[in-house]
Each structure stands twice: as structure tokens, then as C-alpha cells.
């Protein structure tokens, strides 16, 4: 799949590859470049979704006859295996897959048969008949409130409607917008206690950079999270992030490049090897252990505490 600039007609530097032939394809209607997504059906009748700026193709449904984007927002609807499936906020797949599942509705349509085509909000049978299928009007209203940053009104709407799918939409949208107060209320409404606890932990972080990095990591964007921390000169947090992800070499590289917390990385590495009963086989670490033979946890903890105190004083 190749992409072209509408105004100039020139191809962009980005393209997508798929292993099977593509039989149907369509872009969403978002005017924001970072929100643009493409959906397509392959010859196996599987429906896929991907952003238009990076290769992150995700399968949404099987046995899909056709699909349609909403003209006003990001809602995606498809006819698959004799059912209408509507994903109210498909971008939730890049925020939290659990919320993606909770923010969709499925309606059985035994009367439509096979080879059904979607025409606007109608399902069109293969023999030419039209079938009206109603979906909730409330997501449109919710997205309008969120787009205008009117999250209090969005919360009141969800409380009025009392639908789990709408609360899940609000949770995903607010998390993506870094609106933690709203996301906490929405997640509590759908009883996602573990996610509420995570949001509370993020709110307690001392700086905006560390909060944004924690959310990026939650969105499965570790490189973005690391870059946020490095840009804010929060080197210890960037190092600890990589240690938690077992990206040991990257943690050591950050420590060496910024000449800080080298012994911190080595101490955590030594503890990890001892707990897993392994010997050091990485030459880069072996060299650093030779240069730093005496690791003192007390001095390491003092350095970590000093870094955290400095972060608390950041504006």
C-alpha cells in the first residue's frame, strides 16, 4: 500500500506491505496526521487496521464482507460472519487492547446473508435489498465533547447513558489525551481496578515528563518513553525503564553516554545474574565490572535518592 500527498500527488516515504492481495481499502476521515488510519480487507477476508505513519498492522476481524468509516469521527463498522461489528474508538487498540474490546458492539444480523456491502449506515444485501441497522448516537456526542476538551460534559453524558461501551470509549480517549482525572473516573465505572491503580500511580509521579513516559510505556511505546525521559534529563528513570524491560545493554549505554549511574546498572545486573544463577557473558558488562570492582549499594541508593529529589524540584 503506497500513500500519496493529496495536494501534490507525490508519493510519501511511507508504505505498507501485506502478505496477501488486498481487495478493499479505505482511510478514516481524521484531519490530524497522527490520527490517520487505514483499514483494509485481504483476499482471506480478514480485516486489518494500521496507522498511516508507521508499520503497526493489527487484525480486527475475520470473514469480513465489508467495512465503513464514520464520516464525522473515528468509528469503524464492519459486516463480518453475519454480524455487524462497530468499533467506537479503533485507536484504543494502540492505547489498551482491553478497552478496544469493551468499546465495541456486536449485533447478530441473520437476515443479511453473505457478500453484504455497507452503504453509509445501511447494510446492502448481495441480492440488492437494504437493511437498516441502528447503532448508538451517543459516541458521536462523546467524541465532540472530547475534541473540544469538555471532559466534564463527557463524564456527565456517560453517567446519563450508563453504557459500559461509552465509559470504555471515554477511558481510552482520555488516556490517549493524558487526561488522568477523567480516565480514572471512566475506568472505575467499568470496574477496571488494576487500571485505576495504575492511573493513581502515574498521578503520584513527581514530574510531567515521568508521567508522560509512564503512559507511553503503557501504550507499548518504550522507545518514546525513553526519549521523553532523556529529553528531560531524567537519566536514572530512563536507565531503570530499560532495566525493567531487561534491555541491559541499552541501560548501560545511557549510563556511559551520560556519565552517570554506571554502578547502578552494574549493581542491578549483578543482582539479576545472582538471582538467576547465571555467569556474565556480555563483554561490555564484563569490561565495566572490571573497571568498577567494588559496588556499594548504600552509595548507589544515595545517588538514586538525590536524582529523585532533584526531579521533585523540577517545574
Protein backbone atom coordinates (compact mmCIF):
# COMPACT_ATOMS: atom_id res chain seq x y z
CA UNK A 1 0.00 0.00 0.00
CA UNK A 2 1.54 3.29 -1.08
CA UNK A 3 0.48 6.73 0.13
CA UNK A 4 0.41 9.98 -1.82
CA UNK A 5 0.14 13.64 -0.91
CA UNK A 6 -3.29 14.90 -2.00
CA UNK A 7 -2.14 18.41 -2.91
CA UNK A 8 0.97 17.48 -4.88
CA UNK A 9 0.20 13.91 -5.98
CA UNK A 10 3.71 12.89 -4.95
CA UNK A 11 4.29 9.61 -3.08
CA UNK A 12 5.25 9.78 0.59
CA UNK A 13 8.22 7.90 2.03
CA UNK A 14 5.90 5.53 3.88
CA UNK A 15 4.30 2.33 2.59
CA UNK A 16 2.75 -0.86 4.00
CA UNK A 17 3.36 -4.43 2.93
CA UNK A 18 0.93 -7.32 3.33
CA UNK A 19 1.40 -11.00 2.53
CA UNK A 20 -1.93 -11.41 0.65
CA UNK A 21 -3.78 -9.48 -2.04
CA UNK A 22 -5.87 -6.58 -0.77
CA UNK A 23 -9.46 -6.44 -2.05
CA UNK A 24 -10.86 -3.41 -0.17
CA UNK A 25 -9.20 -0.40 1.39
CA UNK A 26 -10.22 2.90 2.96
CA UNK A 27 -8.84 5.74 5.10
CA UNK A 28 -10.51 7.27 8.11
CA UNK A 29 -11.69 10.88 7.92
CA UNK A 30 -9.40 12.43 10.54
CA UNK A 31 -7.68 15.68 9.54
CA UNK A 32 -4.94 15.20 12.15
CA UNK A 33 -1.92 13.42 10.66
CA UNK A 34 -1.13 11.48 13.84
CA UNK A 35 -4.72 10.17 13.95
CA UNK A 36 -4.88 8.97 10.34
CA UNK A 37 -5.50 5.24 9.99
CA UNK A 38 -6.16 2.85 7.16
CA UNK A 39 -8.33 -0.27 7.20
CA UNK A 40 -8.26 -2.99 4.57
CA UNK A 41 -9.59 -6.45 3.77
CA UNK A 42 -7.32 -9.06 2.21
CA UNK A 43 -8.17 -12.00 -0.03
CA UNK A 44 -8.62 -14.15 3.07
CA UNK A 45 -11.46 -11.79 4.08
CA UNK A 46 -9.59 -10.63 7.19
CA UNK A 47 -9.96 -7.00 8.29
CA UNK A 48 -6.82 -5.13 9.36
CA UNK A 49 -6.05 -1.71 10.82
CA UNK A 50 -2.85 0.34 10.67
CA UNK A 51 -1.68 3.91 11.23
CA UNK A 52 -0.59 5.72 8.07
CA UNK A 53 2.76 6.81 9.50
CA UNK A 54 4.22 3.59 10.97
CA UNK A 55 4.04 -0.16 10.34
CA UNK A 56 1.76 -1.47 13.06
CA UNK A 57 -0.81 -3.68 11.32
CA UNK A 58 -3.37 -5.31 13.61
CA UNK A 59 -6.07 -7.81 12.67
CA UNK A 60 -9.55 -6.76 13.79
CA UNK A 61 -11.91 -9.40 12.38
CA UNK A 62 -12.18 -12.50 10.19
CA UNK A 63 -14.73 -13.43 7.49
CA UNK A 64 -15.34 -9.74 6.80
CA UNK A 65 -17.56 -8.81 3.84
CA UNK A 66 -17.18 -5.02 4.00
CA UNK A 67 -16.44 -2.12 6.32
CA UNK A 68 -17.07 1.61 6.59
CA UNK A 69 -15.58 4.57 8.47
CA UNK A 70 -17.88 7.11 10.08
CA UNK A 71 -17.91 10.43 8.22
CA UNK A 72 -17.69 12.54 11.40
CA UNK A 73 -15.48 10.59 13.79
CA UNK A 74 -13.20 7.59 14.04
CA UNK A 75 -15.88 4.93 14.45
CA UNK A 76 -15.33 1.87 12.26
CA UNK A 77 -18.13 -0.56 11.39
CA UNK A 78 -17.89 -3.87 9.55
CA UNK A 79 -20.09 -6.76 8.48
CA UNK A 80 -18.31 -9.98 9.43
CA UNK A 81 -19.62 -13.54 9.75
CA UNK A 82 -23.25 -12.41 9.62
CA UNK A 83 -22.79 -9.78 12.31
CA UNK A 84 -22.41 -6.02 12.47
CA UNK A 85 -19.33 -5.04 14.49
CA UNK A 86 -18.82 -1.38 15.41
CA UNK A 87 -15.56 -0.23 16.99
CA UNK A 88 -16.47 3.13 18.51
CA UNK A 89 -12.81 4.09 19.06
CA UNK A 90 -10.45 1.92 16.98
CA UNK A 91 -7.44 3.93 18.19
CA UNK A 92 -7.99 2.19 21.54
CA UNK A 93 -6.06 -0.77 20.09
CA UNK A 94 -2.93 1.40 20.39
CA UNK A 95 -3.89 2.55 23.89
CA UNK A 96 -5.24 -0.57 25.62
CA UNK A 97 -6.49 -3.71 23.86
CA UNK A 98 -8.86 -4.46 26.72
CA UNK A 99 -10.57 -1.11 26.22
CA UNK A 100 -10.72 -1.79 22.47
CA UNK A 101 -12.82 -4.89 23.17
CA UNK A 102 -15.02 -3.08 25.67
CA UNK A 103 -15.61 -0.14 23.33
CA UNK A 104 -17.19 -2.17 20.55
CA UNK A 105 -20.68 -3.51 19.92
CA UNK A 106 -21.74 -6.66 18.06
CA UNK A 107 -25.17 -7.24 16.57
CA UNK A 108 -26.28 -10.51 15.00
CA UNK A 109 -27.81 -9.99 11.56
CA UNK A 110 -29.03 -13.40 10.32
CA UNK A 111 -31.20 -11.70 7.69
CA UNK A 112 -28.36 -10.17 5.68
CA UNK A 113 -26.75 -13.33 4.31
CA UNK A 114 -23.38 -13.40 2.58
CA UNK A 115 -21.48 -10.84 0.42
CA UNK A 116 -23.09 -7.89 2.20
CA UNK A 117 -21.87 -4.40 1.35
CA UNK A 118 -22.11 -1.45 3.70
CA UNK A 119 -23.55 1.76 2.20
CA UNK A 120 -23.30 4.65 4.66
CA UNK A 121 -25.27 3.45 7.67
CA UNK A 122 -27.09 0.71 5.72
CA UNK A 123 -26.26 -2.92 5.08
CA UNK A 124 -26.75 -3.83 1.43
CA UNK A 125 -27.54 -7.48 0.65
CA UNK A 126 -25.95 -9.28 -2.25
CA UNK A 127 -29.34 -9.60 -3.98
CA UNK A 128 -29.93 -5.86 -3.76
CA UNK A 129 -32.08 -5.46 -0.63
CA UNK A 130 -31.33 -2.82 2.00
CA UNK A 131 -31.27 -3.49 5.74
CA UNK A 132 -31.29 -0.64 8.26
CA UNK A 133 -29.09 -1.25 11.29
CA UNK A 134 -29.24 1.15 14.21
CA UNK A 135 -26.23 1.98 16.39
CA UNK A 136 -25.94 4.28 19.37
CA UNK A 137 -25.81 8.05 18.64
CA UNK A 138 -24.00 8.78 21.91
CA UNK A 139 -20.40 8.08 20.77
CA UNK A 140 -20.73 10.96 18.28
CA UNK A 141 -21.72 13.31 21.10
CA UNK A 142 -18.97 11.96 23.35
CA UNK A 143 -16.25 12.46 20.74
CA UNK A 144 -17.47 16.01 20.11
CA UNK A 145 -17.11 16.82 23.82
CA UNK A 146 -13.65 15.23 23.98
CA UNK A 147 -12.44 17.01 20.85
CA UNK A 148 -13.41 20.32 22.48
CA UNK A 149 -11.71 19.30 25.76
CA UNK A 150 -15.08 19.31 27.55
CA UNK A 151 -14.35 16.21 29.61
CA UNK A 152 -16.72 17.16 32.44
CA UNK A 153 -19.61 17.11 29.97
CA UNK A 154 -18.34 13.80 28.58
CA UNK A 155 -18.45 12.33 32.09
CA UNK A 156 -21.98 13.61 32.64
CA UNK A 157 -23.08 12.09 29.33
CA UNK A 158 -21.68 8.68 30.31
CA UNK A 159 -23.40 8.86 33.70
CA UNK A 160 -26.67 9.67 31.96
CA UNK A 161 -26.43 6.90 29.35
CA UNK A 162 -25.00 4.25 31.72
CA UNK A 163 -23.42 2.10 29.00
CA UNK A 164 -20.16 0.27 29.55
CA UNK A 165 -19.11 0.74 25.93
CA UNK A 166 -19.38 4.51 26.28
CA UNK A 167 -17.37 4.52 29.50
CA UNK A 168 -14.69 2.39 27.78
CA UNK A 169 -14.58 4.90 24.91
CA UNK A 170 -14.10 7.76 27.35
CA UNK A 171 -11.40 5.84 29.21
CA UNK A 172 -9.42 5.19 26.02
CA UNK A 173 -9.86 8.74 24.66
CA UNK A 174 -8.89 10.37 27.97
CA UNK A 175 -5.86 8.11 28.43
CA UNK A 176 -4.71 8.96 24.93
CA UNK A 177 -5.18 12.67 25.74
CA UNK A 178 -3.35 12.28 29.08
CA UNK A 179 -6.49 13.38 30.97
CA UNK A 180 -5.82 11.28 34.05
CA UNK A 181 -8.67 12.54 36.23
CA UNK A 182 -11.22 11.67 33.53
CA UNK A 183 -9.64 8.30 32.75
CA UNK A 184 -9.67 7.37 36.45
CA UNK A 185 -13.42 8.04 36.68
CA UNK A 186 -14.13 6.16 33.43
CA UNK A 187 -12.01 3.15 34.38
CA UNK A 188 -13.66 2.98 37.80
CA UNK A 189 -17.09 2.98 36.10
CA UNK A 190 -16.20 -0.18 34.13
CA UNK A 191 -14.58 -1.70 37.24
CA UNK A 192 -11.05 -1.87 35.80
CA UNK A 193 -9.49 -1.72 39.24
CA UNK A 194 -5.95 -2.59 38.11
CA UNK A 195 -6.00 0.23 35.57
CA UNK A 196 -7.37 2.68 38.16
CA UNK A 197 -4.46 1.77 40.43
CA UNK A 198 -2.03 2.34 37.56
CA UNK A 199 -3.51 5.78 36.84
CA UNK A 200 -3.20 6.68 40.53
CA UNK A 201 0.46 5.66 40.49
CA UNK A 202 1.06 7.80 37.40
CA UNK A 203 -0.62 10.78 39.08
CA UNK A 204 1.78 10.45 42.01
CA UNK A 205 4.89 10.72 39.81
CA UNK A 206 6.74 13.97 40.55
CA UNK A 207 7.19 15.40 37.05
CA UNK A 208 5.20 15.74 33.83
CA UNK A 209 7.98 14.01 31.91
CA UNK A 210 7.86 10.91 34.10
CA UNK A 211 4.03 10.85 33.87
CA UNK A 212 4.11 11.07 30.07
CA UNK A 213 6.83 8.42 29.91
CA UNK A 214 4.78 6.06 32.10
CA UNK A 215 1.77 6.49 29.82
CA UNK A 216 3.87 5.94 26.69
CA UNK A 217 5.16 2.71 28.21
CA UNK A 218 1.57 1.72 28.99
CA UNK A 219 0.80 2.30 25.30
CA UNK A 220 3.62 -0.15 24.42
CA UNK A 221 5.92 2.63 23.20
CA UNK A 222 9.11 2.04 25.20
CA UNK A 223 11.37 3.98 22.82
CA UNK A 224 9.09 7.01 23.05
CA UNK A 225 9.03 6.73 26.84
CA UNK A 226 12.82 6.58 26.95
CA UNK A 227 13.16 9.62 24.69
CA UNK A 228 10.80 11.64 26.91
CA UNK A 229 12.92 10.87 29.96
CA UNK A 230 16.22 11.59 28.22
CA UNK A 231 14.93 14.90 26.86
CA UNK A 232 14.03 15.90 30.43
CA UNK A 233 17.47 14.72 31.64
CA UNK A 234 15.88 12.12 33.87
CA UNK A 235 18.69 9.68 33.23
CA UNK A 236 18.04 7.40 36.20
CA UNK A 237 14.41 6.87 35.20
CA UNK A 238 15.48 6.14 31.60
CA UNK A 239 18.04 3.64 32.85
CA UNK A 240 15.58 1.98 35.26
CA UNK A 241 12.96 1.76 32.48
CA UNK A 242 15.39 -0.26 30.35
CA UNK A 243 16.41 -2.43 33.29
CA UNK A 244 12.76 -3.31 33.96
CA UNK A 245 12.42 -4.25 30.27
CA UNK A 246 15.63 -6.34 30.50
CA UNK A 247 17.25 -4.10 27.89
CA UNK A 248 20.51 -4.26 29.79
CA UNK A 249 22.85 -3.06 27.07
CA UNK A 250 20.71 -0.01 26.36
CA UNK A 251 20.65 0.84 30.08
CA UNK A 252 24.45 0.61 30.22
CA UNK A 253 24.83 2.70 27.05
CA UNK A 254 22.72 5.51 28.57
CA UNK A 255 24.77 5.40 31.77
CA UNK A 256 28.09 5.51 29.90
CA UNK A 257 27.00 8.19 27.41
CA UNK A 258 25.75 10.50 30.16
CA UNK A 259 28.46 9.50 32.65
CA UNK A 260 26.02 8.71 35.42
CA UNK A 261 24.62 5.67 37.26
CA UNK A 262 27.10 3.24 35.71
CA UNK A 263 27.46 1.50 39.07
CA UNK A 264 23.66 1.48 39.41
CA UNK A 265 23.31 -0.53 36.20
CA UNK A 266 26.13 -2.87 37.23
CA UNK A 267 24.62 -3.45 40.68
CA UNK A 268 21.20 -4.32 39.24
CA UNK A 269 22.88 -6.52 36.63
CA UNK A 270 24.88 -8.36 39.30
CA UNK A 271 21.75 -8.89 41.41
CA UNK A 272 19.89 -10.23 38.36
CA UNK A 273 22.67 -12.68 37.49
CA UNK A 274 22.88 -13.93 41.08
CA UNK A 275 19.13 -14.49 41.31
CA UNK A 276 19.04 -16.37 38.00
CA UNK A 277 22.26 -18.31 38.74
CA UNK A 278 23.99 -17.09 35.58
CA UNK A 279 27.52 -16.01 34.74
CA UNK A 280 28.29 -12.76 32.95
CA UNK A 281 28.79 -13.43 29.21
CA UNK A 282 28.37 -9.90 27.84
CA UNK A 283 31.80 -8.42 27.05
CA UNK A 284 30.60 -4.84 27.54
CA UNK A 285 29.39 -5.61 31.05
CA UNK A 286 32.46 -7.72 31.83
CA UNK A 287 34.67 -4.74 30.97
CA UNK A 288 32.65 -2.39 33.20
CA UNK A 289 32.71 -4.88 36.09
CA UNK A 290 36.50 -4.89 35.74
CA UNK A 291 36.61 -1.09 35.95
CA UNK A 292 34.12 -0.99 38.88
CA UNK A 293 35.00 -3.99 41.08
CA UNK A 294 33.52 -2.60 44.30
CA UNK A 295 29.80 -1.88 44.11
CA UNK A 296 28.33 -0.16 47.14
CA UNK A 297 24.53 -0.32 47.37
CA UNK A 298 24.43 2.42 50.02
CA UNK A 299 26.14 4.99 47.79
CA UNK A 300 24.02 3.84 44.83
CA UNK A 301 20.80 4.37 46.82
CA UNK A 302 22.01 7.83 47.88
CA UNK A 303 22.63 8.76 44.23
CA UNK A 304 19.17 7.48 43.26
CA UNK A 305 17.58 9.45 46.10
CA UNK A 306 19.43 12.62 45.03
CA UNK A 307 18.13 12.21 41.47
CA UNK A 308 14.56 11.72 42.69
CA UNK A 309 14.84 14.79 44.95
CA UNK A 310 16.07 16.83 42.00
CA UNK A 311 13.13 15.63 39.90
CA UNK A 312 10.66 16.73 42.57
CA UNK A 313 12.07 20.24 42.36
CA UNK A 314 11.57 20.38 38.60
CA UNK A 315 8.77 22.65 37.37
